[in-house]
Amino acid sequence: MPIYDISLPITPNLPTWPGEDKVQLTQTSSIKEGDLANVTHVSMGVHTGTHIDAPDHFLGNGVGVDQIPLDLLIGPVTVLHFPACEIITADMLRAAEIPTQAKRLLFKTRNSKYWAEGEIEFQGDFVALNPDAAQYLVQRGVEVVGVDYLSVAPFDDPVPTHKILLQANVLVIEGLDLSEVPPGDYALYCLPLKIAGADGAPARAVLIG
């Protein structure tokens, strides 16, 4: 049974949202320098790489990532492939073969090629969900939405899609690497760091199946 690690590696070259600091990895203790152990300090934003958005991120309601129910992030998931679109719309979702009872959906798009090719610059033309697609998913009862770039919403209009999903208690996973994952059904295991009160957190995500 294959296991797909769909998390992005944390490196100083990892693209970050414009205005966000790059990842910094600093060795603060070194065996080579005579210290007892190697120790590394990490500095990065909570929305870096593969991460979970907490409701507080766009709603300002104080609901942090430590309050997210983990059972939603563990269980059956369907990977949908939209290889040639510029934005995902409600009409595209209606035409897709989404399982009737699907509660977790991951969207694989042309974004995944950026990770496969090792692209280190932020790409503002990434594929995302427009607001009517977000509303359609809410109406279908979807509880988890994952995307293969750093935002579920378009770069030039990030608020509406986020608010529609988060207000409906839909969990958002961003920064997934789905480049090696065929579309289909899997088991998802995605655990964010338990950072008290944070508006998001890095996560390790895998698919099995």
C-alpha atoms as a PDB file:
ATOM      1  CA  MET A   1       0.000   0.000   0.000  1.00  0.00           C
ATOM      2  CA  PRO A   2       1.733   3.212  -1.149  1.00  0.00           C
ATOM      3  CA  ILE A   3       2.325   6.104   1.223  1.00  0.00           C
ATOM      4  CA  TYR A   4       2.560   9.569  -0.329  1.00  0.00           C
ATOM      5  CA  ASP A   5       4.226  12.295   1.696  1.00  0.00           C
ATOM      6  CA  ILE A   6       2.389  15.376   0.409  1.00  0.00           C
ATOM      7  CA  SER A   7       4.177  17.830   2.697  1.00  0.00           C
ATOM      8  CA  LEU A   8       6.617  20.416   1.394  1.00  0.00           C
ATOM      9  CA  PRO A   9      10.159  20.266   2.811  1.00  0.00           C
ATOM     10  CA  ILE A  10      11.008  23.198   5.071  1.00  0.00           C
ATOM     11  CA  THR A  11      14.057  24.877   3.542  1.00  0.00           C
ATOM     12  CA  PRO A  12      15.287  28.473   3.145  1.00  0.00           C
ATOM     13  CA  ASN A  13      14.392  28.174  -0.561  1.00  0.00           C
ATOM     14  CA  LEU A  14      10.730  27.434   0.095  1.00  0.00           C
ATOM     15  CA  PRO A  15       8.512  30.075  -1.569  1.00  0.00           C
ATOM     16  CA  THR A  16       6.566  32.250   0.859  1.00  0.00           C
ATOM     17  CA  TRP A  17       3.672  34.641   0.433  1.00  0.00           C
ATOM     18  CA  PRO A  18       4.829  38.118  -0.628  1.00  0.00           C
ATOM     19  CA  GLY A  19       5.726  40.098   2.483  1.00  0.00           C
ATOM     20  CA  GLU A  20       6.317  36.976   4.579  1.00  0.00           C
ATOM     21  CA  ASP A  21       9.825  36.238   5.821  1.00  0.00           C
ATOM     22  CA  LYS A  22      11.690  33.324   4.298  1.00  0.00           C
ATOM     23  CA  VAL A  23      12.467  30.240   6.368  1.00  0.00           C
ATOM     24  CA  GLN A  24      15.581  30.615   8.459  1.00  0.00           C
ATOM     25  CA  LEU A  25      17.436  27.574   9.803  1.00  0.00           C
ATOM     26  CA  THR A  26      20.249  28.492  12.167  1.00  0.00           C
ATOM     27  CA  GLN A  27      22.508  25.983  13.867  1.00  0.00           C
ATOM     28  CA  THR A  28      22.896  27.155  17.451  1.00  0.00           C
ATOM     29  CA  SER A  29      24.926  24.202  18.688  1.00  0.00           C
ATOM     30  CA  SER A  30      27.381  22.058  16.715  1.00  0.00           C
ATOM     31  CA  ILE A  31      29.199  18.835  17.531  1.00  0.00           C
ATOM     32  CA  LYS A  32      31.889  19.845  15.038  1.00  0.00           C
ATOM     33  CA  GLU A  33      32.451  23.008  17.061  1.00  0.00           C
ATOM     34  CA  GLY A  34      32.834  21.053  20.290  1.00  0.00           C
ATOM     35  CA  ASP A  35      29.267  21.178  21.555  1.00  0.00           C
ATOM     36  CA  LEU A  36      27.528  18.138  23.018  1.00  0.00           C
ATOM     37  CA  ALA A  37      24.796  18.018  20.374  1.00  0.00           C
ATOM     38  CA  ASN A  38      23.596  19.552  17.128  1.00  0.00           C
ATOM     39  CA  VAL A  39      20.721  21.996  17.701  1.00  0.00           C
ATOM     40  CA  THR A  40      18.915  24.038  15.046  1.00  0.00           C
ATOM     41  CA  HIS A  41      16.705  27.110  15.485  1.00  0.00           C
ATOM     42  CA  VAL A  42      13.801  27.524  13.039  1.00  0.00           C
ATOM     43  CA  SER A  43      12.186  30.851  12.200  1.00  0.00           C
ATOM     44  CA  MET A  44       9.167  30.997   9.880  1.00  0.00           C
ATOM     45  CA  GLY A  45       5.542  32.092   9.668  1.00  0.00           C
ATOM     46  CA  VAL A  46       2.759  29.699  10.616  1.00  0.00           C
ATOM     47  CA  HIS A  47       1.431  29.802   7.034  1.00  0.00           C
ATOM     48  CA  THR A  48       4.693  28.577   5.546  1.00  0.00           C
ATOM     49  CA  GLY A  49       4.786  25.483   3.352  1.00  0.00           C
ATOM     50  CA  THR A  50       2.190  22.814   4.076  1.00  0.00           C
ATOM     51  CA  HIS A  51      -0.096  24.316   6.703  1.00  0.00           C
ATOM     52  CA  ILE A  52      -3.582  24.562   8.169  1.00  0.00           C
ATOM     53  CA  ASP A  53      -5.590  27.789   8.259  1.00  0.00           C
ATOM     54  CA  ALA A  54      -7.386  28.326  11.549  1.00  0.00           C
ATOM     55  CA  PRO A  55     -10.707  30.236  11.469  1.00  0.00           C
ATOM     56  CA  ASP A  56      -9.040  33.188  13.171  1.00  0.00           C
ATOM     57  CA  HIS A  57      -6.835  33.700  10.103  1.00  0.00           C
ATOM     58  CA  PHE A  58      -9.568  35.527   8.156  1.00  0.00           C
ATOM     59  CA  LEU A  59     -12.451  35.753  10.618  1.00  0.00           C
ATOM     60  CA  GLY A  60     -10.649  37.288  13.594  1.00  0.00           C
ATOM     61  CA  ASN A  61     -12.835  35.222  15.903  1.00  0.00           C
ATOM     62  CA  GLY A  62     -10.114  33.944  18.207  1.00  0.00           C
ATOM     63  CA  VAL A  63     -10.511  30.300  17.135  1.00  0.00           C
ATOM     64  CA  GLY A  64      -6.922  29.126  16.842  1.00  0.00           C
ATOM     65  CA  VAL A  65      -5.378  26.083  15.257  1.00  0.00           C
ATOM     66  CA  ASP A  66      -5.188  24.313  18.627  1.00  0.00           C
ATOM     67  CA  GLN A  67      -9.008  24.233  18.665  1.00  0.00           C
ATOM     68  CA  ILE A  68      -9.372  22.458  15.315  1.00  0.00           C
ATOM     69  CA  PRO A  69     -10.968  18.983  15.636  1.00  0.00           C
ATOM     70  CA  LEU A  70      -8.298  16.547  14.506  1.00  0.00           C
ATOM     71  CA  ASP A  71     -10.799  13.867  13.503  1.00  0.00           C
ATOM     72  CA  LEU A  72     -11.606  15.954  10.431  1.00  0.00           C
ATOM     73  CA  LEU A  73      -7.976  15.753   9.345  1.00  0.00           C
ATOM     74  CA  ILE A  74      -7.804  11.966   9.564  1.00  0.00           C
ATOM     75  CA  GLY A  75      -9.936   9.795   7.319  1.00  0.00           C
ATOM     76  CA  PRO A  76     -11.085   9.104   3.746  1.00  0.00           C
ATOM     77  CA  VAL A  77     -10.203  11.736   1.147  1.00  0.00           C
ATOM     78  CA  THR A  78     -10.615  12.153  -2.591  1.00  0.00           C
ATOM     79  CA  VAL A  79      -7.959  13.745  -4.810  1.00  0.00           C
ATOM     80  CA  LEU A  80      -9.489  15.568  -7.789  1.00  0.00           C
ATOM     81  CA  HIS A  81      -7.404  16.522 -10.815  1.00  0.00           C
ATOM     82  CA  PHE A  82      -7.972  19.756 -12.732  1.00  0.00           C
ATOM     83  CA  PRO A  83      -4.918  19.834 -15.017  1.00  0.00           C
ATOM     84  CA  ALA A  84      -5.665  22.684 -17.392  1.00  0.00           C
ATOM     85  CA  CYS A  85      -7.767  25.327 -15.635  1.00  0.00           C
ATOM     86  CA  GLU A  86      -6.872  28.819 -14.445  1.00  0.00           C
ATOM     87  CA  ILE A  87      -9.408  28.872 -11.609  1.00  0.00           C
ATOM     88  CA  ILE A  88     -11.749  26.264 -10.159  1.00  0.00           C
ATOM     89  CA  THR A  89     -15.438  27.202 -10.425  1.00  0.00           C
ATOM     90  CA  ALA A  90     -18.689  25.757  -9.147  1.00  0.00           C
ATOM     91  CA  ASP A  91     -19.620  24.635 -12.659  1.00  0.00           C
ATOM     92  CA  MET A  92     -16.383  22.656 -12.893  1.00  0.00           C
ATOM     93  CA  LEU A  93     -17.130  20.988  -9.573  1.00  0.00           C
ATOM     94  CA  ARG A  94     -20.666  20.099 -10.677  1.00  0.00           C
ATOM     95  CA  ALA A  95     -19.204  18.429 -13.764  1.00  0.00           C
ATOM     96  CA  ALA A  96     -16.567  16.529 -11.786  1.00  0.00           C
ATOM     97  CA  GLU A  97     -17.188  13.020 -10.518  1.00  0.00           C
ATOM     98  CA  ILE A  98     -17.149  13.842  -6.815  1.00  0.00           C
ATOM     99  CA  PRO A  99     -18.273  10.943  -4.627  1.00  0.00           C
ATOM    100  CA  THR A 100     -21.655  11.716  -3.087  1.00  0.00           C
ATOM    101  CA  GLN A 101     -20.512  11.270   0.509  1.00  0.00           C
ATOM    102  CA  ALA A 102     -17.093  12.910   0.108  1.00  0.00           C
ATOM    103  CA  LYS A 103     -16.241  15.069   3.137  1.00  0.00           C
ATOM    104  CA  ARG A 104     -12.574  15.697   2.315  1.00  0.00           C
ATOM    105  CA  LEU A 105     -11.337  16.907  -1.072  1.00  0.00           C
ATOM    106  CA  LEU A 106      -7.810  17.702  -2.281  1.00  0.00           C
ATOM    107  CA  PHE A 107      -7.336  19.611  -5.526  1.00  0.00           C
ATOM    108  CA  LYS A 108      -4.440  18.715  -7.813  1.00  0.00           C
ATOM    109  CA  THR A 109      -3.796  21.331 -10.506  1.00  0.00           C
ATOM    110  CA  ARG A 110      -0.950  22.648 -12.630  1.00  0.00           C
ATOM    111  CA  ASN A 111       0.348  24.168  -9.360  1.00  0.00           C
ATOM    112  CA  SER A 112       1.872  20.803  -8.505  1.00  0.00           C
ATOM    113  CA  LYS A 113       4.439  21.172 -11.276  1.00  0.00           C
ATOM    114  CA  TYR A 114       6.022  24.032  -9.323  1.00  0.00           C
ATOM    115  CA  TRP A 115       6.907  21.627  -6.513  1.00  0.00           C
ATOM    116  CA  ALA A 116       7.976  18.879  -8.918  1.00  0.00           C
ATOM    117  CA  GLU A 117      10.314  21.299 -10.708  1.00  0.00           C
ATOM    118  CA  GLY A 118      11.738  22.803  -7.524  1.00  0.00           C
ATOM    119  CA  GLU A 119      10.472  26.320  -8.259  1.00  0.00           C
ATOM    120  CA  ILE A 120      11.726  28.659  -5.508  1.00  0.00           C
ATOM    121  CA  GLU A 121       9.999  31.897  -6.568  1.00  0.00           C
ATOM    122  CA  PHE A 122       6.447  32.712  -5.520  1.00  0.00           C
ATOM    123  CA  GLN A 123       3.979  32.207  -8.390  1.00  0.00           C
ATOM    124  CA  GLY A 124       1.098  34.679  -8.275  1.00  0.00           C
ATOM    125  CA  ASP A 125      -0.858  33.018 -11.092  1.00  0.00           C
ATOM    126  CA  PHE A 126      -1.533  29.849  -9.125  1.00  0.00           C
ATOM    127  CA  VAL A 127      -4.825  27.975  -9.550  1.00  0.00           C
ATOM    128  CA  ALA A 128      -7.294  28.476  -6.697  1.00  0.00           C
ATOM    129  CA  LEU A 129     -11.020  28.217  -5.914  1.00  0.00           C
ATOM    130  CA  ASN A 130     -13.275  31.140  -6.700  1.00  0.00           C
ATOM    131  CA  PRO A 131     -16.020  32.080  -4.219  1.00  0.00           C
ATOM    132  CA  ASP A 132     -18.822  30.235  -6.023  1.00  0.00           C
ATOM    133  CA  ALA A 133     -16.746  27.038  -5.910  1.00  0.00           C
ATOM    134  CA  ALA A 134     -16.263  27.525  -2.171  1.00  0.00           C
ATOM    135  CA  GLN A 135     -20.001  28.055  -1.704  1.00  0.00           C
ATOM    136  CA  TYR A 136     -20.757  24.921  -3.717  1.00  0.00           C
ATOM    137  CA  LEU A 137     -18.466  22.848  -1.500  1.00  0.00           C
ATOM    138  CA  VAL A 138     -20.147  24.220   1.613  1.00  0.00           C
ATOM    139  CA  GLN A 139     -23.567  23.315   0.205  1.00  0.00           C
ATOM    140  CA  ARG A 140     -22.339  19.777  -0.524  1.00  0.00           C
ATOM    141  CA  GLY A 141     -21.278  19.356   3.091  1.00  0.00           C
ATOM    142  CA  VAL A 142     -17.540  19.138   2.400  1.00  0.00           C
ATOM    143  CA  GLU A 143     -15.584  19.570   5.632  1.00  0.00           C
ATOM    144  CA  VAL A 144     -11.931  19.652   4.475  1.00  0.00           C
ATOM    145  CA  VAL A 145     -10.481  21.335   1.381  1.00  0.00           C
ATOM    146  CA  GLY A 146      -6.818  21.011   0.420  1.00  0.00           C
ATOM    147  CA  VAL A 147      -4.943  22.759  -2.383  1.00  0.00           C
ATOM    148  CA  ASP A 148      -1.552  22.377  -4.025  1.00  0.00           C
ATOM    149  CA  TYR A 149      -0.339  25.945  -3.593  1.00  0.00           C
ATOM    150  CA  LEU A 150      -0.073  28.447  -0.772  1.00  0.00           C
ATOM    151  CA  SER A 151      -3.669  29.688  -0.845  1.00  0.00           C
ATOM    152  CA  VAL A 152      -7.101  28.219  -1.449  1.00  0.00           C
ATOM    153  CA  ALA A 153      -8.142  31.618  -2.823  1.00  0.00           C
ATOM    154  CA  PRO A 154      -6.878  33.631  -5.794  1.00  0.00           C
ATOM    155  CA  PHE A 155      -3.853  35.843  -5.188  1.00  0.00           C
ATOM    156  CA  ASP A 156      -5.648  39.046  -6.208  1.00  0.00           C
ATOM    157  CA  ASP A 157      -8.774  38.403  -4.103  1.00  0.00           C
ATOM    158  CA  PRO A 158      -7.947  36.154  -1.139  1.00  0.00           C
ATOM    159  CA  VAL A 159     -10.705  37.129   1.301  1.00  0.00           C
ATOM    160  CA  PRO A 160     -14.081  35.887  -0.067  1.00  0.00           C
ATOM    161  CA  THR A 161     -13.143  32.247  -0.693  1.00  0.00           C
ATOM    162  CA  HIS A 162     -11.409  31.967   2.675  1.00  0.00           C
ATOM    163  CA  LYS A 163     -14.330  33.526   4.542  1.00  0.00           C
ATOM    164  CA  ILE A 164     -16.946  31.335   2.872  1.00  0.00           C
ATOM    165  CA  LEU A 165     -15.070  28.182   3.848  1.00  0.00           C
ATOM    166  CA  LEU A 166     -13.947  29.203   7.325  1.00  0.00           C
ATOM    167  CA  GLN A 167     -17.331  30.639   8.333  1.00  0.00           C
ATOM    168  CA  ALA A 168     -18.841  27.248   7.456  1.00  0.00           C
ATOM    169  CA  ASN A 169     -16.210  25.481   9.597  1.00  0.00           C
ATOM    170  CA  VAL A 170     -14.541  23.951   6.549  1.00  0.00           C
ATOM    171  CA  LEU A 171     -10.901  23.180   7.332  1.00  0.00           C
ATOM    172  CA  VAL A 172      -8.382  24.496   4.825  1.00  0.00           C
ATOM    173  CA  ILE A 173      -5.071  22.774   4.053  1.00  0.00           C
ATOM    174  CA  GLU A 174      -2.681  24.757   1.863  1.00  0.00           C
ATOM    175  CA  GLY A 175       0.719  24.069   0.345  1.00  0.00           C
ATOM    176  CA  LEU A 176       0.246  20.397  -0.520  1.00  0.00           C
ATOM    177  CA  ASP A 177       2.589  18.635  -2.928  1.00  0.00           C
ATOM    178  CA  LEU A 178       0.339  16.407  -5.025  1.00  0.00           C
ATOM    179  CA  SER A 179       2.748  16.100  -7.952  1.00  0.00           C
ATOM    180  CA  GLU A 180       3.237  12.342  -7.496  1.00  0.00           C
ATOM    181  CA  VAL A 181      -0.322  11.527  -6.443  1.00  0.00           C
ATOM    182  CA  PRO A 182      -2.774  10.055  -8.979  1.00  0.00           C
ATOM    183  CA  PRO A 183      -6.396  11.201  -8.616  1.00  0.00           C
ATOM    184  CA  GLY A 184      -8.542   8.866  -6.578  1.00  0.00           C
ATOM    185  CA  ASP A 185      -9.452   7.837  -3.056  1.00  0.00           C
ATOM    186  CA  TYR A 186      -7.017   7.672  -0.124  1.00  0.00           C
ATOM    187  CA  ALA A 187      -6.748   7.887   3.630  1.00  0.00           C
ATOM    188  CA  LEU A 188      -5.545  11.298   4.807  1.00  0.00           C
ATOM    189  CA  TYR A 189      -3.436  11.911   7.891  1.00  0.00           C
ATOM    190  CA  CYS A 190      -2.696  15.599   8.446  1.00  0.00           C
ATOM    191  CA  LEU A 191      -1.564  16.900  11.835  1.00  0.00           C
ATOM    192  CA  PRO A 192      -0.858  20.595  12.451  1.00  0.00           C
ATOM    193  CA  LEU A 193       1.493  21.703  15.189  1.00  0.00           C
ATOM    194  CA  LYS A 194      -0.413  22.518  18.390  1.00  0.00           C
ATOM    195  CA  ILE A 195       0.475  26.202  18.638  1.00  0.00           C
ATOM    196  CA  ALA A 196      -1.809  27.785  21.223  1.00  0.00           C
ATOM    197  CA  GLY A 197      -4.033  30.495  19.787  1.00  0.00           C
ATOM    198  CA  ALA A 198      -2.227  30.626  16.420  1.00  0.00           C
ATOM    199  CA  ASP A 199      -4.108  31.553  13.235  1.00  0.00           C
ATOM    200  CA  GLY A 200      -2.443  28.644  11.440  1.00  0.00           C
ATOM    201  CA  ALA A 201       0.237  26.009  11.809  1.00  0.00           C
ATOM    202  CA  PRO A 202       2.636  23.961   9.701  1.00  0.00           C
ATOM    203  CA  ALA A 203       1.501  20.372   9.205  1.00  0.00           C
ATOM    204  CA  ARG A 204       2.804  17.006   8.089  1.00  0.00           C
ATOM    205  CA  ALA A 205       0.394  15.407   5.659  1.00  0.00           C
ATOM    206  CA  VAL A 206       0.410  11.941   4.105  1.00  0.00           C
ATOM    207  CA  LEU A 207      -1.933   9.920   1.910  1.00  0.00           C
ATOM    208  CA  ILE A 208      -2.228   6.153   2.137  1.00  0.00           C
ATOM    209  CA  GLY A 209      -3.890   3.997  -0.470  1.00  0.00           C
END
